[in-house]
């Protein structure tokens, strides 16, 4: 089906889809390679491709012969040179919300496990921490206030970031697309006048960021070691353990219809009953 003509060239729906697909691939490649050494190699490869195009137009037989003979190994060379970037591109495509919704793929439990282990260890060591897990609403403005990491989510890395002598321990860690996007990020503080005056800065920041977006924020208190979870501008729980934290995070990010067992929640609260002292 022809949509319109550009001069004598007919443009069909397939042509439009083809252009969008090429744009998607190159745009994501650009985002992944931006600021890396691969971007310089990609620029060099682009120059060679443009040179080959003009060599054919100008009928430069010698240069065209060389390019045609090495063209067979270009694909292999491309895969070898850009193997890390291509892998990251494929991972991001598989982790996209559109793919998840279409294939009904749930977020990797490895990230939730890593967050739970890290929060538990930080709680035991009384290291203060603040994690922000991005939802559907982007928080790029907040991410840009910190140090960009683009690292895999592991308990060891999360704990090391919030080690008191670490240069990155102040501020929040932003987790998006199942990666640690940035650390030492500055979050907006809540403006809610009803917040307890004794509440610490990390807890106020957790409420502030969840008021402005649909993310979730995990706070580990430096004074009490308690693990808190904030979402939609309020704390869902102020005294979590590793298992209950995983339950709440799963409910938030996978939209499970089932809620945590009431008996389990009551049992957990009885085990951790005590004064609700604030930081």
Protein backbone atom coordinates (compact mmCIF):
# COMPACT_ATOMS: atom_id res chain seq x y z
CA UNK A 1 0.00 0.00 0.00
CA UNK A 2 1.55 3.28 -1.15
CA UNK A 3 1.23 6.09 1.41
CA UNK A 4 2.76 8.91 -0.64
CA UNK A 5 5.42 9.69 -3.22
CA UNK A 6 8.71 11.53 -2.91
CA UNK A 7 9.29 12.58 -6.50
CA UNK A 8 8.98 9.33 -8.45
CA UNK A 9 9.75 7.11 -5.41
CA UNK A 10 6.69 5.45 -3.81
CA UNK A 11 6.73 5.21 -0.01
CA UNK A 12 4.86 2.26 1.53
CA UNK A 13 4.10 1.19 5.10
CA UNK A 14 6.99 -1.28 4.89
CA UNK A 15 9.35 1.55 3.99
CA UNK A 16 8.22 3.56 7.00
CA UNK A 17 8.65 0.56 9.31
CA UNK A 18 12.08 -0.09 7.80
CA UNK A 19 13.17 3.50 8.49
CA UNK A 20 11.89 3.33 12.07
CA UNK A 21 13.71 0.04 12.66
CA UNK A 22 17.00 1.44 11.35
CA UNK A 23 16.52 4.57 13.47
CA UNK A 24 15.84 2.46 16.58
CA UNK A 25 18.98 0.35 16.09
CA UNK A 26 21.32 3.26 15.40
CA UNK A 27 19.84 5.46 18.13
CA UNK A 28 20.31 2.75 20.77
CA UNK A 29 23.81 2.02 19.49
CA UNK A 30 24.59 5.71 19.84
CA UNK A 31 23.25 5.84 23.40
CA UNK A 32 25.26 2.78 24.41
CA UNK A 33 28.53 3.84 22.75
CA UNK A 34 28.34 7.54 23.63
CA UNK A 35 31.35 8.52 25.71
CA UNK A 36 33.17 5.20 25.20
CA UNK A 37 36.14 4.15 23.08
CA UNK A 38 33.71 2.27 20.85
CA UNK A 39 32.29 5.60 19.67
CA UNK A 40 35.68 6.49 18.15
CA UNK A 41 35.90 3.11 16.40
CA UNK A 42 32.35 3.52 15.13
CA UNK A 43 33.22 6.96 13.74
CA UNK A 44 36.20 5.45 11.93
CA UNK A 45 34.05 2.68 10.51
CA UNK A 46 31.50 5.25 9.36
CA UNK A 47 34.22 7.21 7.55
CA UNK A 48 35.37 4.05 5.76
CA UNK A 49 31.78 3.30 4.71
CA UNK A 50 31.32 6.83 3.36
CA UNK A 51 34.63 6.53 1.53
CA UNK A 52 33.53 3.25 -0.05
CA UNK A 53 30.28 4.86 -1.18
CA UNK A 54 32.05 7.74 -2.92
CA UNK A 55 34.68 5.40 -4.37
CA UNK A 56 31.94 3.52 -6.20
CA UNK A 57 30.25 6.72 -7.38
CA UNK A 58 33.52 8.17 -8.70
CA UNK A 59 34.42 4.81 -10.27
CA UNK A 60 37.73 4.55 -8.41
CA UNK A 61 38.44 0.98 -9.47
CA UNK A 62 41.48 0.28 -7.32
CA UNK A 63 39.91 1.48 -4.07
CA UNK A 64 36.60 -0.18 -4.95
CA UNK A 65 38.39 -3.51 -5.57
CA UNK A 66 40.09 -3.34 -2.16
CA UNK A 67 36.84 -2.50 -0.36
CA UNK A 68 34.93 -5.28 -2.12
CA UNK A 69 37.55 -7.85 -1.14
CA UNK A 70 37.57 -6.90 2.51
CA UNK A 71 33.78 -6.44 2.70
CA UNK A 72 33.31 -10.15 3.42
CA UNK A 73 35.12 -9.82 6.75
CA UNK A 74 33.51 -6.53 7.76
CA UNK A 75 30.60 -8.21 9.50
CA UNK A 76 32.91 -10.42 11.55
CA UNK A 77 35.16 -7.44 12.35
CA UNK A 78 32.12 -5.40 13.40
CA UNK A 79 30.94 -8.11 15.79
CA UNK A 80 34.43 -8.49 17.30
CA UNK A 81 35.04 -4.77 17.73
CA UNK A 82 31.62 -3.94 19.14
CA UNK A 83 30.87 -7.17 20.99
CA UNK A 84 30.32 -5.52 24.44
CA UNK A 85 28.10 -2.79 22.97
CA UNK A 86 26.07 -5.25 20.89
CA UNK A 87 25.54 -7.44 23.95
CA UNK A 88 24.33 -4.46 25.97
CA UNK A 89 22.02 -3.45 23.12
CA UNK A 90 20.45 -6.93 22.98
CA UNK A 91 20.08 -7.01 26.76
CA UNK A 92 18.37 -3.61 26.78
CA UNK A 93 16.03 -4.68 23.98
CA UNK A 94 15.06 -7.79 25.91
CA UNK A 95 14.57 -5.79 29.10
CA UNK A 96 12.41 -3.08 27.51
CA UNK A 97 8.93 -2.60 28.94
CA UNK A 98 7.33 -3.22 25.54
CA UNK A 99 8.97 -6.63 25.21
CA UNK A 100 8.07 -7.53 28.79
CA UNK A 101 4.45 -6.62 28.32
CA UNK A 102 4.18 -8.41 24.99
CA UNK A 103 5.91 -11.59 26.15
CA UNK A 104 4.80 -11.24 29.79
CA UNK A 105 8.39 -11.41 31.01
CA UNK A 106 8.82 -10.51 34.65
CA UNK A 107 11.83 -8.48 35.89
CA UNK A 108 14.89 -10.57 36.67
CA UNK A 109 14.71 -11.74 40.25
CA UNK A 110 18.50 -11.42 40.41
CA UNK A 111 18.15 -7.65 40.87
CA UNK A 112 15.65 -8.05 43.70
CA UNK A 113 17.87 -10.65 45.34
CA UNK A 114 20.89 -8.36 45.05
CA UNK A 115 18.96 -5.46 46.59
CA UNK A 116 17.73 -7.65 49.42
CA UNK A 117 21.19 -9.02 50.21
CA UNK A 118 22.77 -5.58 50.06
CA UNK A 119 20.11 -3.99 52.28
CA UNK A 120 20.44 -6.79 54.82
CA UNK A 121 24.23 -6.53 54.97
CA UNK A 122 24.14 -2.74 55.19
CA UNK A 123 21.58 -3.02 57.98
CA UNK A 124 23.79 -5.44 59.92
CA UNK A 125 26.81 -3.12 59.54
CA UNK A 126 24.78 0.03 60.33
CA UNK A 127 25.81 1.66 57.05
CA UNK A 128 23.31 4.25 55.88
CA UNK A 129 22.07 3.73 52.31
CA UNK A 130 19.49 4.99 49.84
CA UNK A 131 18.46 3.07 46.70
CA UNK A 132 16.03 4.40 44.09
CA UNK A 133 14.50 1.89 41.65
CA UNK A 134 13.09 3.65 38.62
CA UNK A 135 9.55 2.86 37.52
CA UNK A 136 7.78 3.84 34.29
CA UNK A 137 8.53 7.53 34.81
CA UNK A 138 12.07 8.51 33.91
CA UNK A 139 14.23 10.39 36.44
CA UNK A 140 17.07 11.41 34.13
CA UNK A 141 17.34 14.81 35.80
CA UNK A 142 18.14 13.13 39.11
CA UNK A 143 20.51 10.62 37.54
CA UNK A 144 22.54 13.43 35.95
CA UNK A 145 23.29 14.93 39.39
CA UNK A 146 25.42 11.93 40.32
CA UNK A 147 28.31 9.86 39.03
CA UNK A 148 27.32 7.66 36.11
CA UNK A 149 28.23 3.99 36.58
CA UNK A 150 26.23 1.78 34.18
CA UNK A 151 27.22 -1.28 36.24
CA UNK A 152 25.65 -4.63 36.98
CA UNK A 153 23.54 -4.81 40.14
CA UNK A 154 25.45 -6.94 42.66
CA UNK A 155 25.30 -6.98 46.48
CA UNK A 156 29.07 -6.53 46.72
CA UNK A 157 29.06 -3.37 44.60
CA UNK A 158 26.07 -1.86 46.39
CA UNK A 159 27.63 -2.45 49.81
CA UNK A 160 30.99 -1.04 48.71
CA UNK A 161 29.33 2.12 47.38
CA UNK A 162 27.83 2.89 50.79
CA UNK A 163 30.96 2.07 52.76
CA UNK A 164 31.40 5.21 54.94
CA UNK A 165 34.82 6.02 53.46
CA UNK A 166 33.68 5.53 49.89
CA UNK A 167 33.60 8.76 47.83
CA UNK A 168 30.19 7.68 46.48
CA UNK A 169 28.43 6.91 49.76
CA UNK A 170 26.69 10.30 50.03
CA UNK A 171 23.47 10.58 48.05
CA UNK A 172 21.41 7.90 46.35
CA UNK A 173 22.07 5.03 43.98
CA UNK A 174 19.75 5.00 40.94
CA UNK A 175 18.80 1.59 39.51
CA UNK A 176 17.11 1.53 36.10
CA UNK A 177 16.81 -1.10 33.37
CA UNK A 178 18.25 -3.60 35.86
CA UNK A 179 21.53 -1.67 35.95
CA UNK A 180 23.14 0.69 38.45
CA UNK A 181 22.80 3.87 36.44
CA UNK A 182 24.46 6.30 38.84
CA UNK A 183 25.58 6.87 42.42
CA UNK A 184 25.91 9.91 44.67
CA UNK A 185 22.71 11.37 43.19
CA UNK A 186 20.95 14.30 44.82
CA UNK A 187 17.24 13.76 45.47
CA UNK A 188 14.53 16.33 46.11
CA UNK A 189 13.32 16.47 49.72
CA UNK A 190 9.67 16.04 50.57
CA UNK A 191 7.69 19.23 51.13
CA UNK A 192 4.96 17.45 53.06
CA UNK A 193 4.38 19.45 56.27
CA UNK A 194 3.00 16.37 58.03
CA UNK A 195 6.29 14.49 57.91
CA UNK A 196 7.78 13.80 61.33
CA UNK A 197 10.29 16.49 62.27
CA UNK A 198 12.68 13.84 63.60
CA UNK A 199 12.86 12.05 60.25
CA UNK A 200 16.36 11.96 58.76
CA UNK A 201 17.50 13.38 55.43
CA UNK A 202 17.62 10.00 53.68
CA UNK A 203 14.01 9.29 54.61
CA UNK A 204 12.91 12.77 53.53
CA UNK A 205 14.71 12.31 50.22
CA UNK A 206 13.07 8.91 49.72
CA UNK A 207 9.63 10.47 50.19
CA UNK A 208 10.54 13.41 47.95
CA UNK A 209 11.59 11.32 44.94
CA UNK A 210 8.59 8.99 45.26
CA UNK A 211 6.26 12.01 45.37
CA UNK A 212 7.59 13.20 42.01
CA UNK A 213 7.73 9.84 40.18
CA UNK A 214 6.46 6.26 40.37
CA UNK A 215 9.81 4.90 41.55
CA UNK A 216 10.46 3.06 44.81
CA UNK A 217 13.10 4.03 47.36
CA UNK A 218 14.83 1.78 49.88
CA UNK A 219 16.37 3.42 52.93
CA UNK A 220 18.75 1.78 55.39
CA UNK A 221 19.01 3.78 58.61
CA UNK A 222 22.52 4.47 59.79
CA UNK A 223 21.34 4.84 63.40
CA UNK A 224 18.93 1.92 63.81
CA UNK A 225 19.78 -0.32 60.86
CA UNK A 226 16.11 -0.48 59.92
CA UNK A 227 15.16 -1.02 56.29
CA UNK A 228 12.32 1.16 54.97
CA UNK A 229 10.53 1.19 51.62
CA UNK A 230 8.86 4.29 50.17
CA UNK A 231 6.47 4.43 47.22
CA UNK A 232 3.93 6.99 46.01
CA UNK A 233 5.04 9.53 48.60
CA UNK A 234 4.64 7.33 51.66
CA UNK A 235 6.46 4.59 53.51
CA UNK A 236 4.93 1.16 52.92
CA UNK A 237 6.94 -0.29 55.77
CA UNK A 238 9.55 1.11 58.17
CA UNK A 239 11.03 -2.13 59.50
CA UNK A 240 11.58 -4.68 56.75
CA UNK A 241 13.64 -7.80 56.54
CA UNK A 242 15.11 -9.21 53.35
CA UNK A 243 12.19 -11.51 52.54
CA UNK A 244 9.47 -8.94 53.13
CA UNK A 245 11.38 -6.35 51.12
CA UNK A 246 11.40 -8.71 48.14
CA UNK A 247 7.64 -9.23 48.52
CA UNK A 248 6.87 -5.50 48.46
CA UNK A 249 9.23 -4.79 45.55
CA UNK A 250 7.69 -7.63 43.57
CA UNK A 251 4.22 -6.21 44.16
CA UNK A 252 5.31 -2.77 42.97
CA UNK A 253 7.22 -3.67 39.84
CA UNK A 254 5.52 -6.81 38.55
CA UNK A 255 1.95 -5.72 39.35
CA UNK A 256 1.20 -9.08 40.98
CA UNK A 257 -2.45 -9.38 41.88
CA UNK A 258 -1.63 -11.37 44.98
CA UNK A 259 -0.72 -9.47 48.09
CA UNK A 260 1.66 -10.65 50.80
CA UNK A 261 0.08 -12.99 53.25
CA UNK A 262 -1.57 -11.10 56.10
CA UNK A 263 -0.45 -13.78 58.52
CA UNK A 264 3.13 -13.40 57.33
CA UNK A 265 3.01 -9.61 57.68
CA UNK A 266 1.48 -9.83 61.17
CA UNK A 267 4.04 -12.44 62.22
CA UNK A 268 6.86 -10.27 60.93
CA UNK A 269 5.50 -7.24 62.74
CA UNK A 270 5.17 -9.18 66.01
CA UNK A 271 8.77 -10.35 65.69
CA UNK A 272 9.93 -6.79 65.11
CA UNK A 273 7.42 -5.06 67.37
CA UNK A 274 8.77 -2.17 69.36
CA UNK A 275 8.85 1.54 69.45
CA UNK A 276 8.55 3.23 66.05
CA UNK A 277 11.52 5.47 66.75
CA UNK A 278 12.52 7.65 63.84
CA UNK A 279 16.00 8.43 62.66
